[in-house]
Each structure stands twice: as structure tokens, then as C-alpha cells.
Amino acid sequence: MTLTFPNASRSFDDVRNVVRFTGYDGMFEVRFHLDAAALSAVRLSASDYLRAFDAARSSIYRVATKLYHPKRGRTYTLSAANLR
């Protein structure tokens, strides 16, 4: 199956300083965490990080799809290096 992102929801985890979003490989949920530093070099509010995520959503999804492999688990963390 192919990784898809049918649910546009995302949330900011202030404790881990990541934006969380979810993809699906068929019926399997795949969790992604995007380091906040990948969205901004300066500290932003949670809503600003989510707006930055929304603005870059298509490129973030492309990177997540490239990194995903079904045999490597169901949780992935993306960093600024992945988005370059």
C-alpha cells in the first residue's frame, strides 16, 4: 500500500516540542513528529508552529512519504535536515 494523509489534523506537543501528524498505510496508522526547529529557528507559539506546518504541509508530506518504510516501524521523527 501507499502512505496517505487523509486526515489533515495536526497538533503541537509542547513537552516534546514537535508537531504531531498521522499518515495511513492501508489500515495501519503511522505517527509522525516534526521537530519544531524544522519550522522556525526562533521559538514560536503553538499556533504559529501549526500555521508554519500548514504552509509547508505538501513538502512535509512528501518528505514523510520518502522516509516511510513499512518494516521500520510506525513512528517517525522528522528534523530540519530531512526538509532540506
PDB file of N, CA and C in Angstrom:
ATOM      1  N   MET A   1       0.836  -1.189   0.000  1.00  0.00           N
ATOM      2  CA  MET A   1       0.000   0.000   0.000  1.00  0.00           C
ATOM      3  C   MET A   1       0.877   1.247   0.000  1.00  0.00           C
ATOM      4  N   THR A   2       0.247   2.354  -0.250  1.00  0.00           N
ATOM      5  CA  THR A   2       0.930   3.629  -0.289  1.00  0.00           C
ATOM      6  C   THR A   2       0.559   4.439   0.938  1.00  0.00           C
ATOM      7  N   LEU A   3       1.489   5.199   1.428  1.00  0.00           N
ATOM      8  CA  LEU A   3       1.230   6.072   2.568  1.00  0.00           C
ATOM      9  C   LEU A   3       0.345   7.221   2.116  1.00  0.00           C
ATOM     10  N   THR A   4      -0.734   7.468   2.858  1.00  0.00           N
ATOM     11  CA  THR A   4      -1.648   8.570   2.551  1.00  0.00           C
ATOM     12  C   THR A   4      -1.861   9.418   3.799  1.00  0.00           C
ATOM     13  N   PHE A   5      -2.355  10.622   3.583  1.00  0.00           N
ATOM     14  CA  PHE A   5      -2.624  11.557   4.679  1.00  0.00           C
ATOM     15  C   PHE A   5      -4.059  12.085   4.535  1.00  0.00           C
ATOM     16  N   PRO A   6      -5.056  11.220   4.751  1.00  0.00           N
ATOM     17  CA  PRO A   6      -6.447  11.636   4.550  1.00  0.00           C
ATOM     18  C   PRO A   6      -6.967  12.567   5.642  1.00  0.00           C
ATOM     19  N   ASN A   7      -6.319  12.587   6.770  1.00  0.00           N
ATOM     20  CA  ASN A   7      -6.751  13.408   7.896  1.00  0.00           C
ATOM     21  C   ASN A   7      -5.784  14.579   8.040  1.00  0.00           C
ATOM     22  N   ALA A   8      -6.268  15.793   7.840  1.00  0.00           N
ATOM     23  CA  ALA A   8      -5.402  16.976   7.874  1.00  0.00           C
ATOM     24  C   ALA A   8      -5.119  17.471   9.291  1.00  0.00           C
ATOM     25  N   SER A   9      -5.606  16.775  10.302  1.00  0.00           N
ATOM     26  CA  SER A   9      -5.383  17.263  11.664  1.00  0.00           C
ATOM     27  C   SER A   9      -3.916  17.138  12.051  1.00  0.00           C
ATOM     28  N   ARG A  10      -3.498  18.040  12.896  1.00  0.00           N
ATOM     29  CA  ARG A  10      -2.145  18.062  13.443  1.00  0.00           C
ATOM     30  C   ARG A  10      -2.236  18.730  14.788  1.00  0.00           C
ATOM     31  N   SER A  11      -1.264  18.485  15.645  1.00  0.00           N
ATOM     32  CA  SER A  11      -1.276  19.110  16.971  1.00  0.00           C
ATOM     33  C   SER A  11       0.150  19.416  17.374  1.00  0.00           C
ATOM     34  N   PHE A  12       0.270  20.360  18.304  1.00  0.00           N
ATOM     35  CA  PHE A  12       1.592  20.717  18.785  1.00  0.00           C
ATOM     36  C   PHE A  12       1.780  20.111  20.169  1.00  0.00           C
ATOM     37  N   ASP A  13       2.874  19.398  20.353  1.00  0.00           N
ATOM     38  CA  ASP A  13       3.236  18.799  21.634  1.00  0.00           C
ATOM     39  C   ASP A  13       4.285  19.706  22.270  1.00  0.00           C
ATOM     40  N   ASP A  14       3.845  20.484  23.242  1.00  0.00           N
ATOM     41  CA  ASP A  14       4.719  21.462  23.900  1.00  0.00           C
ATOM     42  C   ASP A  14       5.825  20.799  24.719  1.00  0.00           C
ATOM     43  N   VAL A  15       5.576  19.610  25.233  1.00  0.00           N
ATOM     44  CA  VAL A  15       6.565  18.892  26.037  1.00  0.00           C
ATOM     45  C   VAL A  15       7.714  18.399  25.160  1.00  0.00           C
ATOM     46  N   ARG A  16       7.386  17.782  24.025  1.00  0.00           N
ATOM     47  CA  ARG A  16       8.417  17.246  23.116  1.00  0.00           C
ATOM     48  C   ARG A  16       8.867  18.272  22.083  1.00  0.00           C
ATOM     49  N   ASN A  17       8.145  19.402  21.985  1.00  0.00           N
ATOM     50  CA  ASN A  17       8.446  20.470  21.036  1.00  0.00           C
ATOM     51  C   ASN A  17       8.398  19.952  19.593  1.00  0.00           C
ATOM     52  N   VAL A  18       7.291  19.267  19.279  1.00  0.00           N
ATOM     53  CA  VAL A  18       7.083  18.706  17.945  1.00  0.00           C
ATOM     54  C   VAL A  18       5.649  18.952  17.491  1.00  0.00           C
ATOM     55  N   VAL A  19       5.465  18.960  16.183  1.00  0.00           N
ATOM     56  CA  VAL A  19       4.125  18.928  15.605  1.00  0.00           C
ATOM     57  C   VAL A  19       3.851  17.465  15.278  1.00  0.00           C
ATOM     58  N   ARG A  20       2.720  16.974  15.755  1.00  0.00           N
ATOM     59  CA  ARG A  20       2.331  15.580  15.507  1.00  0.00           C
ATOM     60  C   ARG A  20       1.324  15.540  14.367  1.00  0.00           C
ATOM     61  N   PHE A  21       1.498  14.566  13.474  1.00  0.00           N
ATOM     62  CA  PHE A  21       0.513  14.332  12.430  1.00  0.00           C
ATOM     63  C   PHE A  21       0.524  12.849  12.094  1.00  0.00           C
ATOM     64  N   THR A  22      -0.491  12.407  11.375  1.00  0.00           N
ATOM     65  CA  THR A  22      -0.677  10.980  11.153  1.00  0.00           C
ATOM     66  C   THR A  22      -0.867  10.678   9.673  1.00  0.00           C
ATOM     67  N   GLY A  23      -0.264   9.580   9.246  1.00  0.00           N
ATOM     68  CA  GLY A  23      -0.481   9.045   7.912  1.00  0.00           C
ATOM     69  C   GLY A  23      -1.048   7.652   8.046  1.00  0.00           C
ATOM     70  N   TYR A  24      -1.473   7.081   6.922  1.00  0.00           N
ATOM     71  CA  TYR A  24      -2.036   5.735   6.944  1.00  0.00           C
ATOM     72  C   TYR A  24      -1.471   4.911   5.793  1.00  0.00           C
ATOM     73  N   ASP A  25      -1.082   3.702   6.123  1.00  0.00           N
ATOM     74  CA  ASP A  25      -0.664   2.706   5.142  1.00  0.00           C
ATOM     75  C   ASP A  25      -1.736   1.636   5.186  1.00  0.00           C
ATOM     76  N   GLY A  26      -2.712   1.778   4.316  1.00  0.00           N
ATOM     77  CA  GLY A  26      -3.886   0.905   4.387  1.00  0.00           C
ATOM     78  C   GLY A  26      -4.612   1.160   5.690  1.00  0.00           C
ATOM     79  N   MET A  27      -4.782   0.127   6.490  1.00  0.00           N
ATOM     80  CA  MET A  27      -5.473   0.288   7.772  1.00  0.00           C
ATOM     81  C   MET A  27      -4.517   0.617   8.917  1.00  0.00           C
ATOM     82  N   PHE A  28      -3.212   0.668   8.637  1.00  0.00           N
ATOM     83  CA  PHE A  28      -2.228   0.918   9.687  1.00  0.00           C
ATOM     84  C   PHE A  28      -1.944   2.409   9.841  1.00  0.00           C
ATOM     85  N   GLU A  29      -2.049   2.874  11.074  1.00  0.00           N
ATOM     86  CA  GLU A  29      -1.740   4.267  11.394  1.00  0.00           C
ATOM     87  C   GLU A  29      -0.227   4.426  11.540  1.00  0.00           C
ATOM     88  N   VAL A  30       0.313   5.489  10.963  1.00  0.00           N
ATOM     89  CA  VAL A  30       1.735   5.797  11.058  1.00  0.00           C
ATOM     90  C   VAL A  30       1.850   7.195  11.659  1.00  0.00           C
ATOM     91  N   ARG A  31       2.513   7.280  12.818  1.00  0.00           N
ATOM     92  CA  ARG A  31       2.631   8.558  13.525  1.00  0.00           C
ATOM     93  C   ARG A  31       3.925   9.270  13.129  1.00  0.00           C
ATOM     94  N   PHE A  32       3.806  10.568  12.933  1.00  0.00           N
ATOM     95  CA  PHE A  32       4.955  11.390  12.600  1.00  0.00           C
ATOM     96  C   PHE A  32       5.068  12.530  13.603  1.00  0.00           C
ATOM     97  N   HIS A  33       6.310  12.868  13.919  1.00  0.00           N
ATOM     98  CA  HIS A  33       6.617  14.023  14.766  1.00  0.00           C
ATOM     99  C   HIS A  33       7.589  14.889  13.983  1.00  0.00           C
ATOM    100  N   LEU A  34       7.266  16.154  13.830  1.00  0.00           N
ATOM    101  CA  LEU A  34       8.143  17.087  13.139  1.00  0.00           C
ATOM    102  C   LEU A  34       8.744  18.027  14.176  1.00  0.00           C
ATOM    103  N   ASP A  35      10.069  17.987  14.319  1.00  0.00           N
ATOM    104  CA  ASP A  35      10.735  18.886  15.264  1.00  0.00           C
ATOM    105  C   ASP A  35      10.345  20.321  14.970  1.00  0.00           C
ATOM    106  N   ALA A  36       9.984  21.066  16.002  1.00  0.00           N
ATOM    107  CA  ALA A  36       9.592  22.465  15.833  1.00  0.00           C
ATOM    108  C   ALA A  36      10.720  23.277  15.205  1.00  0.00           C
ATOM    109  N   ALA A  37      11.955  22.921  15.492  1.00  0.00           N
ATOM    110  CA  ALA A  37      13.104  23.638  14.929  1.00  0.00           C
ATOM    111  C   ALA A  37      13.132  23.544  13.404  1.00  0.00           C
ATOM    112  N   ALA A  38      12.474  22.545  12.839  1.00  0.00           N
ATOM    113  CA  ALA A  38      12.412  22.424  11.384  1.00  0.00           C
ATOM    114  C   ALA A  38      11.513  23.490  10.771  1.00  0.00           C
ATOM    115  N   LEU A  39      10.647  24.073  11.587  1.00  0.00           N
ATOM    116  CA  LEU A  39       9.714  25.086  11.103  1.00  0.00           C
ATOM    117  C   LEU A  39      10.177  26.508  11.367  1.00  0.00           C
ATOM    118  N   SER A  40      11.024  26.684  12.368  1.00  0.00           N
ATOM    119  CA  SER A  40      11.488  28.028  12.704  1.00  0.00           C
ATOM    120  C   SER A  40      12.734  27.958  13.572  1.00  0.00           C
ATOM    121  N   ALA A  41      13.644  28.878  13.321  1.00  0.00           N
ATOM    122  CA  ALA A  41      14.873  28.939  14.114  1.00  0.00           C
ATOM    123  C   ALA A  41      14.638  29.630  15.456  1.00  0.00           C
ATOM    124  N   VAL A  42      13.529  30.346  15.568  1.00  0.00           N
ATOM    125  CA  VAL A  42      13.198  31.024  16.821  1.00  0.00           C
ATOM    126  C   VAL A  42      11.986  30.361  17.449  1.00  0.00           C
ATOM    127  N   ARG A  43      11.865  30.496  18.748  1.00  0.00           N
ATOM    128  CA  ARG A  43      10.749  29.896  19.482  1.00  0.00           C
ATOM    129  C   ARG A  43       9.461  30.621  19.125  1.00  0.00           C
ATOM    130  N   LEU A  44       8.435  29.860  18.740  1.00  0.00           N
ATOM    131  CA  LEU A  44       7.139  30.407  18.369  1.00  0.00           C
ATOM    132  C   LEU A  44       6.066  29.885  19.318  1.00  0.00           C
ATOM    133  N   SER A  45       4.877  30.428  19.195  1.00  0.00           N
ATOM    134  CA  SER A  45       3.741  29.889  19.950  1.00  0.00           C
ATOM    135  C   SER A  45       3.253  28.628  19.240  1.00  0.00           C
ATOM    136  N   ALA A  46       2.478  27.833  19.944  1.00  0.00           N
ATOM    137  CA  ALA A  46       1.949  26.599  19.357  1.00  0.00           C
ATOM    138  C   ALA A  46       1.151  26.906  18.093  1.00  0.00           C
ATOM    139  N   SER A  47       0.326  27.930  18.119  1.00  0.00           N
ATOM    140  CA  SER A  47      -0.488  28.249  16.934  1.00  0.00           C
ATOM    141  C   SER A  47       0.387  28.711  15.768  1.00  0.00           C
ATOM    142  N   ASP A  48       1.488  29.397  16.046  1.00  0.00           N
ATOM    143  CA  ASP A  48       2.408  29.803  14.975  1.00  0.00           C
ATOM    144  C   ASP A  48       3.106  28.593  14.360  1.00  0.00           C
ATOM    145  N   TYR A  49       3.496  27.618  15.183  1.00  0.00           N
ATOM    146  CA  TYR A  49       4.091  26.395  14.644  1.00  0.00           C
ATOM    147  C   TYR A  49       3.096  25.666  13.757  1.00  0.00           C
ATOM    148  N   LEU A  50       1.834  25.614  14.178  1.00  0.00           N
ATOM    149  CA  LEU A  50       0.822  24.920  13.377  1.00  0.00           C
ATOM    150  C   LEU A  50       0.568  25.648  12.067  1.00  0.00           C
ATOM    151  N   ARG A  51       0.587  26.981  12.073  1.00  0.00           N
ATOM    152  CA  ARG A  51       0.445  27.743  10.830  1.00  0.00           C
ATOM    153  C   ARG A  51       1.632  27.486   9.903  1.00  0.00           C
ATOM    154  N   ALA A  52       2.838  27.423  10.477  1.00  0.00           N
ATOM    155  CA  ALA A  52       4.033  27.137   9.672  1.00  0.00           C
ATOM    156  C   ALA A  52       3.942  25.726   9.077  1.00  0.00           C
ATOM    157  N   PHE A  53       3.448  24.774   9.861  1.00  0.00           N
ATOM    158  CA  PHE A  53       3.245  23.414   9.365  1.00  0.00           C
ATOM    159  C   PHE A  53       2.270  23.429   8.199  1.00  0.00           C
ATOM    160  N   ASP A  54       1.149  24.123   8.364  1.00  0.00           N
ATOM    161  CA  ASP A  54       0.136  24.186   7.305  1.00  0.00           C
ATOM    162  C   ASP A  54       0.714  24.785   6.024  1.00  0.00           C
ATOM    163  N   ALA A  55       1.544  25.802   6.158  1.00  0.00           N
ATOM    164  CA  ALA A  55       2.137  26.453   4.987  1.00  0.00           C
ATOM    165  C   ALA A  55       3.083  25.520   4.234  1.00  0.00           C
ATOM    166  N   ALA A  56       3.708  24.603   4.944  1.00  0.00           N
ATOM    167  CA  ALA A  56       4.678  23.681   4.324  1.00  0.00           C
ATOM    168  C   ALA A  56       4.143  22.259   4.215  1.00  0.00           C
ATOM    169  N   ARG A  57       2.859  22.083   4.430  1.00  0.00           N
ATOM    170  CA  ARG A  57       2.254  20.752   4.509  1.00  0.00           C
ATOM    171  C   ARG A  57       2.613  19.842   3.332  1.00  0.00           C
ATOM    172  N   SER A  58       2.518  20.306   2.114  1.00  0.00           N
ATOM    173  CA  SER A  58       2.758  19.412   0.971  1.00  0.00           C
ATOM    174  C   SER A  58       4.204  18.923   0.939  1.00  0.00           C
ATOM    175  N   SER A  59       5.160  19.787   1.245  1.00  0.00           N
ATOM    176  CA  SER A  59       6.563  19.337   1.249  1.00  0.00           C
ATOM    177  C   SER A  59       6.840  18.428   2.447  1.00  0.00           C
ATOM    178  N   ILE A  60       6.196  18.688   3.576  1.00  0.00           N
ATOM    179  CA  ILE A  60       6.352  17.818   4.753  1.00  0.00           C
ATOM    180  C   ILE A  60       5.805  16.427   4.443  1.00  0.00           C
ATOM    181  N   TYR A  61       4.653  16.362   3.807  1.00  0.00           N
ATOM    182  CA  TYR A  61       4.070  15.068   3.431  1.00  0.00           C
ATOM    183  C   TYR A  61       4.976  14.334   2.440  1.00  0.00           C
ATOM    184  N   ARG A  62       5.567  15.053   1.481  1.00  0.00           N
ATOM    185  CA  ARG A  62       6.482  14.416   0.522  1.00  0.00           C
ATOM    186  C   ARG A  62       7.669  13.790   1.248  1.00  0.00           C
ATOM    187  N   VAL A  63       8.254  14.538   2.188  1.00  0.00           N
ATOM    188  CA  VAL A  63       9.398  14.033   2.951  1.00  0.00           C
ATOM    189  C   VAL A  63       8.975  12.831   3.796  1.00  0.00           C
ATOM    190  N   ALA A  64       7.835  12.924   4.462  1.00  0.00           N
ATOM    191  CA  ALA A  64       7.354  11.820   5.294  1.00  0.00           C
ATOM    192  C   ALA A  64       7.148  10.568   4.454  1.00  0.00           C
ATOM    193  N   THR A  65       6.614  10.736   3.260  1.00  0.00           N
ATOM    194  CA  THR A  65       6.385   9.602   2.374  1.00  0.00           C
ATOM    195  C   THR A  65       7.708   8.964   1.952  1.00  0.00           C
ATOM    196  N   LYS A  66       8.719   9.778   1.684  1.00  0.00           N
ATOM    197  CA  LYS A  66      10.034   9.255   1.299  1.00  0.00           C
ATOM    198  C   LYS A  66      10.702   8.501   2.451  1.00  0.00           C
ATOM    199  N   LEU A  67      10.541   8.993   3.668  1.00  0.00           N
ATOM    200  CA  LEU A  67      11.177   8.362   4.823  1.00  0.00           C
ATOM    201  C   LEU A  67      10.474   7.088   5.277  1.00  0.00           C
ATOM    202  N   TYR A  68       9.201   6.991   4.992  1.00  0.00           N
ATOM    203  CA  TYR A  68       8.409   5.873   5.481  1.00  0.00           C
ATOM    204  C   TYR A  68       8.800   4.565   4.795  1.00  0.00           C
ATOM    205  N   HIS A  69       8.908   3.540   5.602  1.00  0.00           N
ATOM    206  CA  HIS A  69       9.075   2.169   5.105  1.00  0.00           C
ATOM    207  C   HIS A  69       8.316   1.266   6.067  1.00  0.00           C
ATOM    208  N   PRO A  70       7.406   0.433   5.578  1.00  0.00           N
ATOM    209  CA  PRO A  70       6.545  -0.365   6.453  1.00  0.00           C
ATOM    210  C   PRO A  70       7.289  -1.250   7.447  1.00  0.00           C
ATOM    211  N   LYS A  71       8.503  -1.647   7.147  1.00  0.00           N
ATOM    212  CA  LYS A  71       9.238  -2.538   8.050  1.00  0.00           C
ATOM    213  C   LYS A  71      10.057  -1.780   9.087  1.00  0.00           C
ATOM    214  N   ARG A  72      10.023  -0.456   9.063  1.00  0.00           N
ATOM    215  CA  ARG A  72      10.824   0.333  10.004  1.00  0.00           C
ATOM    216  C   ARG A  72      10.014   0.870  11.171  1.00  0.00           C
ATOM    217  N   GLY A  73       8.822   0.425  11.350  1.00  0.00           N
ATOM    218  CA  GLY A  73       8.039   0.860  12.498  1.00  0.00           C
ATOM    219  C   GLY A  73       6.916   1.788  12.116  1.00  0.00           C
ATOM    220  N   ARG A  74       6.227   2.263  13.132  1.00  0.00           N
ATOM    221  CA  ARG A  74       5.036   3.083  12.926  1.00  0.00           C
ATOM    222  C   ARG A  74       5.160   4.500  13.474  1.00  0.00           C
ATOM    223  N   THR A  75       6.353   4.894  13.933  1.00  0.00           N
ATOM    224  CA  THR A  75       6.555   6.257  14.413  1.00  0.00           C
ATOM    225  C   THR A  75       7.849   6.807  13.836  1.00  0.00           C
ATOM    226  N   TYR A  76       7.768   8.018  13.286  1.00  0.00           N
ATOM    227  CA  TYR A  76       8.916   8.659  12.653  1.00  0.00           C
ATOM    228  C   TYR A  76       9.050  10.087  13.161  1.00  0.00           C
ATOM    229  N   THR A  77      10.288  10.524  13.361  1.00  0.00           N
ATOM    230  CA  THR A  77      10.552  11.918  13.725  1.00  0.00           C
ATOM    231  C   THR A  77      11.302  12.568  12.580  1.00  0.00           C
ATOM    232  N   LEU A  78      10.762  13.661  12.085  1.00  0.00           N
ATOM    233  CA  LEU A  78      11.383  14.428  11.014  1.00  0.00           C
ATOM    234  C   LEU A  78      12.081  15.632  11.611  1.00  0.00           C
ATOM    235  N   SER A  79      13.245  15.972  11.067  1.00  0.00           N
ATOM    236  CA  SER A  79      14.008  17.115  11.561  1.00  0.00           C
ATOM    237  C   SER A  79      14.221  18.120  10.435  1.00  0.00           C
ATOM    238  N   ALA A  80      14.872  19.221  10.751  1.00  0.00           N
ATOM    239  CA  ALA A  80      15.180  20.235   9.742  1.00  0.00           C
ATOM    240  C   ALA A  80      16.037  19.636   8.633  1.00  0.00           C
ATOM    241  N   ALA A  81      16.941  18.737   8.969  1.00  0.00           N
ATOM    242  CA  ALA A  81      17.809  18.100   7.966  1.00  0.00           C
ATOM    243  C   ALA A  81      16.984  17.318   6.949  1.00  0.00           C
ATOM    244  N   ASN A  82      15.879  16.728   7.365  1.00  0.00           N
ATOM    245  CA  ASN A  82      15.026  15.984   6.438  1.00  0.00           C
ATOM    246  C   ASN A  82      14.327  16.898   5.447  1.00  0.00           C
ATOM    247  N   LEU A  83      14.058  18.124   5.842  1.00  0.00           N
ATOM    248  CA  LEU A  83      13.300  19.042   4.985  1.00  0.00           C
ATOM    249  C   LEU A  83      14.176  19.780   3.984  1.00  0.00           C
ATOM    250  N   ARG A  84      15.467  19.637   4.071  1.00  0.00           N
ATOM    251  CA  ARG A  84      16.364  20.337   3.129  1.00  0.00           C
ATOM    252  C   ARG A  84      16.374  19.671   1.796  1.00  0.00           C
TER     253      ARG A  84
END
